[in-house]
Amino acid sequence: MFCPKRSKLELFKQTGQFIGNGSIRRGNRMHYLYSYQLKSFDRQLFLSQLPETLESQIDNIVIRGRIDDVRVILNKRTQEKFVSIIELKTTSKEYMWNVEIQAAIFQLQLYIWLINQLIKKPWKLNKRHYLEIYSQHTGMLIKRVPVEEDPDIEDRIRHIVRVFQGLEKAQFPHKSTCKLCPKNVKERCDWFAVNR
């Protein structure tokens, strides 16, 4: 579930120094290490044809992102090349909360939307993409979540921006969602103070 209060606090850095900078560094290292190990020619060729940072615009909203990895699948019968986008997440916990997984799925769906506008023959976007969650302690894959394109992604983007601008009402999260927020967000969040 999208929490506009947490997103706004983190986006505009109203939380001061973020907790867990060591975790972020460790996660970045693991992203590099877990980038798809089979450095196939097709994978390298596809990535070389993409800009380093993907960017697109709807209305006055600019969306930017950088994909973690891709997998290229060759259909031997038709010789078509299908691309699946891979979003890597690392966690120091034994599992990720559903709200964290939903946020990562939304991020991957944004990347699907961005690449869909850039992809050209001989490449085709695969129907299924993957969110892969790895343990920061063991390096093992904890969970792989298949993700499909969201046909309503542009409406969701517009809604989130309108909530940030105060033009649409924000949905108050369930108190179980508030308990999952980092301590530095809870300290500055008036919703958490009300929801205790």
C-alpha atoms as a PDB file:
ATOM      1  CA  MET A   1       0.000   0.000   0.000  1.00  0.00           C
ATOM      2  CA  PHE A   2       1.244   3.474  -0.905  1.00  0.00           C
ATOM      3  CA  CYS A   3       1.719   5.752   2.099  1.00  0.00           C
ATOM      4  CA  PRO A   4       1.851   9.347   0.845  1.00  0.00           C
ATOM      5  CA  LYS A   5       3.068  10.690   4.187  1.00  0.00           C
ATOM      6  CA  ARG A   6       6.143   8.418   4.322  1.00  0.00           C
ATOM      7  CA  SER A   7       6.900   9.012   0.653  1.00  0.00           C
ATOM      8  CA  LYS A   8       6.730  12.778   1.085  1.00  0.00           C
ATOM      9  CA  LEU A   9       8.875  12.759   4.234  1.00  0.00           C
ATOM     10  CA  GLU A  10      11.537  10.606   2.567  1.00  0.00           C
ATOM     11  CA  LEU A  11      11.362  12.302  -0.831  1.00  0.00           C
ATOM     12  CA  PHE A  12      11.924  15.775   0.541  1.00  0.00           C
ATOM     13  CA  LYS A  13      14.453  14.510   3.119  1.00  0.00           C
ATOM     14  CA  GLN A  14      12.472  15.875   6.048  1.00  0.00           C
ATOM     15  CA  THR A  15      13.698  12.934   8.100  1.00  0.00           C
ATOM     16  CA  GLY A  16      17.233  14.203   8.603  1.00  0.00           C
ATOM     17  CA  GLN A  17      19.977  11.597   8.342  1.00  0.00           C
ATOM     18  CA  PHE A  18      18.534   8.296   7.170  1.00  0.00           C
ATOM     19  CA  ILE A  19      19.087   5.268   9.375  1.00  0.00           C
ATOM     20  CA  GLY A  20      20.802   2.295   7.803  1.00  0.00           C
ATOM     21  CA  ASN A  21      23.367   3.849   5.494  1.00  0.00           C
ATOM     22  CA  GLY A  22      25.481   0.705   6.011  1.00  0.00           C
ATOM     23  CA  SER A  23      22.529  -1.385   4.824  1.00  0.00           C
ATOM     24  CA  ILE A  24      22.166   0.794   1.741  1.00  0.00           C
ATOM     25  CA  ARG A  25      25.856   0.357   0.892  1.00  0.00           C
ATOM     26  CA  ARG A  26      25.610  -3.406   1.429  1.00  0.00           C
ATOM     27  CA  GLY A  27      22.470  -3.537  -0.730  1.00  0.00           C
ATOM     28  CA  ASN A  28      24.194  -1.613  -3.537  1.00  0.00           C
ATOM     29  CA  ARG A  29      27.155  -4.017  -3.464  1.00  0.00           C
ATOM     30  CA  MET A  30      24.803  -6.983  -3.600  1.00  0.00           C
ATOM     31  CA  HIS A  31      22.923  -5.412  -6.540  1.00  0.00           C
ATOM     32  CA  TYR A  32      26.193  -5.344  -8.421  1.00  0.00           C
ATOM     33  CA  LEU A  33      27.072  -8.924  -7.468  1.00  0.00           C
ATOM     34  CA  TYR A  34      23.629 -10.331  -8.231  1.00  0.00           C
ATOM     35  CA  SER A  35      23.228  -8.695 -11.604  1.00  0.00           C
ATOM     36  CA  TYR A  36      22.389 -11.596 -13.849  1.00  0.00           C
ATOM     37  CA  GLN A  37      25.494 -13.779 -13.914  1.00  0.00           C
ATOM     38  CA  LEU A  38      25.154 -15.054 -17.472  1.00  0.00           C
ATOM     39  CA  LYS A  39      26.569 -12.082 -19.341  1.00  0.00           C
ATOM     40  CA  SER A  40      25.074 -13.182 -22.639  1.00  0.00           C
ATOM     41  CA  PHE A  41      25.694 -11.306 -25.862  1.00  0.00           C
ATOM     42  CA  ASP A  42      21.964 -10.558 -26.283  1.00  0.00           C
ATOM     43  CA  ARG A  43      21.716  -9.181 -22.751  1.00  0.00           C
ATOM     44  CA  GLN A  44      24.742  -6.947 -23.226  1.00  0.00           C
ATOM     45  CA  LEU A  45      23.492  -5.798 -26.640  1.00  0.00           C
ATOM     46  CA  PHE A  46      20.041  -4.920 -25.292  1.00  0.00           C
ATOM     47  CA  LEU A  47      21.469  -2.995 -22.322  1.00  0.00           C
ATOM     48  CA  SER A  48      23.882  -1.114 -24.585  1.00  0.00           C
ATOM     49  CA  GLN A  49      20.930   0.197 -26.606  1.00  0.00           C
ATOM     50  CA  LEU A  50      19.228   1.685 -23.538  1.00  0.00           C
ATOM     51  CA  PRO A  51      20.091   5.035 -21.996  1.00  0.00           C
ATOM     52  CA  GLU A  52      21.731   4.697 -18.573  1.00  0.00           C
ATOM     53  CA  THR A  53      18.747   6.420 -16.968  1.00  0.00           C
ATOM     54  CA  LEU A  54      15.300   5.766 -18.408  1.00  0.00           C
ATOM     55  CA  GLU A  55      13.071   8.818 -18.615  1.00  0.00           C
ATOM     56  CA  SER A  56       9.570   9.593 -19.821  1.00  0.00           C
ATOM     57  CA  GLN A  57       6.916  12.213 -19.209  1.00  0.00           C
ATOM     58  CA  ILE A  58       3.156  12.259 -18.784  1.00  0.00           C
ATOM     59  CA  ASP A  59       1.501  15.652 -18.421  1.00  0.00           C
ATOM     60  CA  ASN A  60       4.031  17.692 -16.400  1.00  0.00           C
ATOM     61  CA  ILE A  61       5.335  14.632 -14.522  1.00  0.00           C
ATOM     62  CA  VAL A  62       8.791  13.297 -15.384  1.00  0.00           C
ATOM     63  CA  ILE A  63       9.508   9.687 -14.409  1.00  0.00           C
ATOM     64  CA  ARG A  64      13.132   8.536 -14.201  1.00  0.00           C
ATOM     65  CA  GLY A  65      14.582   5.197 -13.292  1.00  0.00           C
ATOM     66  CA  ARG A  66      17.476   2.826 -13.694  1.00  0.00           C
ATOM     67  CA  ILE A  67      16.790  -0.874 -14.122  1.00  0.00           C
ATOM     68  CA  ASP A  68      18.765  -3.435 -12.155  1.00  0.00           C
ATOM     69  CA  ASP A  69      18.955  -6.171 -14.766  1.00  0.00           C
ATOM     70  CA  VAL A  70      17.287  -7.963 -17.673  1.00  0.00           C
ATOM     71  CA  ARG A  71      17.040 -11.484 -18.976  1.00  0.00           C
ATOM     72  CA  VAL A  72      16.752 -12.173 -22.669  1.00  0.00           C
ATOM     73  CA  ILE A  73      14.861 -15.266 -23.762  1.00  0.00           C
ATOM     74  CA  LEU A  74      15.133 -16.520 -27.342  1.00  0.00           C
ATOM     75  CA  ASN A  75      12.160 -18.255 -28.909  1.00  0.00           C
ATOM     76  CA  LYS A  76      14.046 -20.764 -31.060  1.00  0.00           C
ATOM     77  CA  ARG A  77      11.044 -21.486 -33.252  1.00  0.00           C
ATOM     78  CA  THR A  78      10.324 -17.856 -34.232  1.00  0.00           C
ATOM     79  CA  GLN A  79      13.776 -16.375 -33.409  1.00  0.00           C
ATOM     80  CA  GLU A  80      12.051 -13.602 -31.424  1.00  0.00           C
ATOM     81  CA  LYS A  81      13.908 -12.173 -28.435  1.00  0.00           C
ATOM     82  CA  PHE A  82      11.853 -11.494 -25.322  1.00  0.00           C
ATOM     83  CA  VAL A  83      13.157  -9.287 -22.520  1.00  0.00           C
ATOM     84  CA  SER A  84      12.189  -9.663 -18.850  1.00  0.00           C
ATOM     85  CA  ILE A  85      13.126  -6.862 -16.465  1.00  0.00           C
ATOM     86  CA  ILE A  86      14.593  -7.910 -13.120  1.00  0.00           C
ATOM     87  CA  GLU A  87      14.266  -5.761  -9.999  1.00  0.00           C
ATOM     88  CA  LEU A  88      16.657  -6.788  -7.208  1.00  0.00           C
ATOM     89  CA  LYS A  89      15.961  -6.078  -3.547  1.00  0.00           C
ATOM     90  CA  THR A  90      18.022  -7.058  -0.527  1.00  0.00           C
ATOM     91  CA  THR A  91      16.895  -7.353   3.047  1.00  0.00           C
ATOM     92  CA  SER A  92      18.526  -8.057   6.388  1.00  0.00           C
ATOM     93  CA  LYS A  93      15.277  -9.666   7.602  1.00  0.00           C
ATOM     94  CA  GLU A  94      14.116 -13.208   6.948  1.00  0.00           C
ATOM     95  CA  TYR A  95      11.298 -11.870   4.774  1.00  0.00           C
ATOM     96  CA  MET A  96       9.891  -8.596   3.453  1.00  0.00           C
ATOM     97  CA  TRP A  97       6.564  -7.162   4.534  1.00  0.00           C
ATOM     98  CA  ASN A  98       3.789  -7.212   1.950  1.00  0.00           C
ATOM     99  CA  VAL A  99       3.749  -3.381   1.782  1.00  0.00           C
ATOM    100  CA  GLU A 100       7.473  -3.398   0.939  1.00  0.00           C
ATOM    101  CA  ILE A 101       6.907  -6.015  -1.772  1.00  0.00           C
ATOM    102  CA  GLN A 102       3.997  -4.006  -3.213  1.00  0.00           C
ATOM    103  CA  ALA A 103       6.202  -0.888  -3.371  1.00  0.00           C
ATOM    104  CA  ALA A 104       8.918  -2.872  -5.194  1.00  0.00           C
ATOM    105  CA  ILE A 105       6.315  -4.289  -7.614  1.00  0.00           C
ATOM    106  CA  PHE A 106       5.116  -0.753  -8.373  1.00  0.00           C
ATOM    107  CA  GLN A 107       8.719   0.324  -8.998  1.00  0.00           C
ATOM    108  CA  LEU A 108       9.180  -2.580 -11.427  1.00  0.00           C
ATOM    109  CA  GLN A 109       5.906  -1.710 -13.173  1.00  0.00           C
ATOM    110  CA  LEU A 110       7.221   1.836 -13.662  1.00  0.00           C
ATOM    111  CA  TYR A 111      10.344   0.386 -15.326  1.00  0.00           C
ATOM    112  CA  ILE A 112       8.177  -1.816 -17.558  1.00  0.00           C
ATOM    113  CA  TRP A 113       6.227   1.287 -18.598  1.00  0.00           C
ATOM    114  CA  LEU A 114       9.451   3.227 -19.283  1.00  0.00           C
ATOM    115  CA  ILE A 115      11.067   0.453 -21.361  1.00  0.00           C
ATOM    116  CA  ASN A 116       7.857  -0.278 -23.235  1.00  0.00           C
ATOM    117  CA  GLN A 117       8.188   3.143 -24.861  1.00  0.00           C
ATOM    118  CA  LEU A 118      11.805   2.501 -25.933  1.00  0.00           C
ATOM    119  CA  ILE A 119      11.821  -1.131 -27.041  1.00  0.00           C
ATOM    120  CA  LYS A 120      12.372  -1.808 -30.752  1.00  0.00           C
ATOM    121  CA  LYS A 121      12.745  -4.857 -32.959  1.00  0.00           C
ATOM    122  CA  PRO A 122      14.171  -7.484 -32.729  1.00  0.00           C
ATOM    123  CA  TRP A 123      13.317  -7.132 -29.026  1.00  0.00           C
ATOM    124  CA  LYS A 124       9.895  -7.687 -27.483  1.00  0.00           C
ATOM    125  CA  LEU A 125       8.914  -7.106 -23.892  1.00  0.00           C
ATOM    126  CA  ASN A 126       8.097 -10.374 -22.171  1.00  0.00           C
ATOM    127  CA  LYS A 127       4.712 -10.680 -20.467  1.00  0.00           C
ATOM    128  CA  ARG A 128       6.363 -11.661 -17.174  1.00  0.00           C
ATOM    129  CA  HIS A 129       9.071  -9.791 -15.236  1.00  0.00           C
ATOM    130  CA  TYR A 130      10.579 -10.602 -11.840  1.00  0.00           C
ATOM    131  CA  LEU A 131      11.184  -9.066  -8.452  1.00  0.00           C
ATOM    132  CA  GLU A 132      13.991 -11.006  -6.738  1.00  0.00           C
ATOM    133  CA  ILE A 133      14.580 -10.586  -3.002  1.00  0.00           C
ATOM    134  CA  TYR A 134      17.948 -11.664  -1.538  1.00  0.00           C
ATOM    135  CA  SER A 135      19.179 -12.022   2.036  1.00  0.00           C
ATOM    136  CA  GLN A 136      21.933  -9.590   3.009  1.00  0.00           C
ATOM    137  CA  HIS A 137      23.229 -12.160   5.519  1.00  0.00           C
ATOM    138  CA  THR A 138      23.400 -15.327   3.426  1.00  0.00           C
ATOM    139  CA  GLY A 139      23.185 -13.974  -0.125  1.00  0.00           C
ATOM    140  CA  MET A 140      20.474 -16.538  -0.866  1.00  0.00           C
ATOM    141  CA  LEU A 141      17.360 -15.841  -2.910  1.00  0.00           C
ATOM    142  CA  ILE A 142      14.463 -15.484  -0.444  1.00  0.00           C
ATOM    143  CA  LYS A 143      11.643 -14.884  -2.887  1.00  0.00           C
ATOM    144  CA  ARG A 144      11.004 -14.413  -6.608  1.00  0.00           C
ATOM    145  CA  VAL A 145       7.779 -12.600  -7.482  1.00  0.00           C
ATOM    146  CA  PRO A 146       6.457 -12.626 -11.071  1.00  0.00           C
ATOM    147  CA  VAL A 147       5.191  -9.185 -12.118  1.00  0.00           C
ATOM    148  CA  GLU A 148       3.116  -8.151 -15.119  1.00  0.00           C
ATOM    149  CA  GLU A 149       2.558  -4.777 -16.735  1.00  0.00           C
ATOM    150  CA  ASP A 150      -0.005  -2.503 -15.053  1.00  0.00           C
ATOM    151  CA  PRO A 151      -2.386  -1.128 -17.720  1.00  0.00           C
ATOM    152  CA  ASP A 152      -3.451   1.680 -15.323  1.00  0.00           C
ATOM    153  CA  ILE A 153       0.079   2.818 -14.412  1.00  0.00           C
ATOM    154  CA  GLU A 154      -0.354   6.331 -15.813  1.00  0.00           C
ATOM    155  CA  ASP A 155      -3.503   6.896 -13.740  1.00  0.00           C
ATOM    156  CA  ARG A 156      -1.670   5.645 -10.638  1.00  0.00           C
ATOM    157  CA  ILE A 157       1.226   8.041 -11.307  1.00  0.00           C
ATOM    158  CA  ARG A 158      -1.179  10.962 -11.722  1.00  0.00           C
ATOM    159  CA  HIS A 159      -3.006  10.021  -8.508  1.00  0.00           C
ATOM    160  CA  ILE A 160       0.208   9.878  -6.473  1.00  0.00           C
ATOM    161  CA  VAL A 161       1.350  13.265  -7.776  1.00  0.00           C
ATOM    162  CA  ARG A 162      -2.066  14.830  -7.074  1.00  0.00           C
ATOM    163  CA  VAL A 163      -1.922  13.466  -3.516  1.00  0.00           C
ATOM    164  CA  PHE A 164       1.550  15.025  -3.093  1.00  0.00           C
ATOM    165  CA  GLN A 165       0.177  18.329  -4.385  1.00  0.00           C
ATOM    166  CA  GLY A 166      -2.803  18.167  -2.021  1.00  0.00           C
ATOM    167  CA  LEU A 167      -5.290  18.025  -4.911  1.00  0.00           C
ATOM    168  CA  GLU A 168      -6.612  14.590  -3.957  1.00  0.00           C
ATOM    169  CA  LYS A 169      -7.244  13.108  -0.560  1.00  0.00           C
ATOM    170  CA  ALA A 170      -4.559  10.773   0.733  1.00  0.00           C
ATOM    171  CA  GLN A 171      -5.663   7.369   1.934  1.00  0.00           C
ATOM    172  CA  PHE A 172      -4.863   6.984   5.611  1.00  0.00           C
ATOM    173  CA  PRO A 173      -2.866   3.741   6.007  1.00  0.00           C
ATOM    174  CA  HIS A 174      -3.888   0.963   8.371  1.00  0.00           C
ATOM    175  CA  LYS A 175      -2.052   1.191  11.688  1.00  0.00           C
ATOM    176  CA  SER A 176      -0.211  -2.054  10.937  1.00  0.00           C
ATOM    177  CA  THR A 177       1.375  -0.227   7.967  1.00  0.00           C
ATOM    178  CA  CYS A 178       2.467   2.632  10.247  1.00  0.00           C
ATOM    179  CA  LYS A 179       4.258   0.194  12.554  1.00  0.00           C
ATOM    180  CA  LEU A 180       6.502  -0.871   9.648  1.00  0.00           C
ATOM    181  CA  CYS A 181       7.864   2.620   9.039  1.00  0.00           C
ATOM    182  CA  PRO A 182      11.459   3.365  10.026  1.00  0.00           C
ATOM    183  CA  LYS A 183      11.965   5.111  13.363  1.00  0.00           C
ATOM    184  CA  ASN A 184      13.188   8.347  11.754  1.00  0.00           C
ATOM    185  CA  VAL A 185       9.933   8.601   9.740  1.00  0.00           C
ATOM    186  CA  LYS A 186       7.726   7.775  12.751  1.00  0.00           C
ATOM    187  CA  GLU A 187       9.343  10.579  14.766  1.00  0.00           C
ATOM    188  CA  ARG A 188       8.205  13.198  12.233  1.00  0.00           C
ATOM    189  CA  CYS A 189       4.921  11.699  11.021  1.00  0.00           C
ATOM    190  CA  ASP A 190       1.714  13.197  12.423  1.00  0.00           C
ATOM    191  CA  TRP A 191      -0.265  10.211  11.085  1.00  0.00           C
ATOM    192  CA  PHE A 192       1.819   7.854  13.217  1.00  0.00           C
ATOM    193  CA  ALA A 193       1.250  10.056  16.284  1.00  0.00           C
ATOM    194  CA  VAL A 194      -2.527   9.795  15.723  1.00  0.00           C
ATOM    195  CA  ASN A 195      -2.408   6.093  14.843  1.00  0.00           C
ATOM    196  CA  ARG A 196      -0.456   4.749  17.853  1.00  0.00           C
END
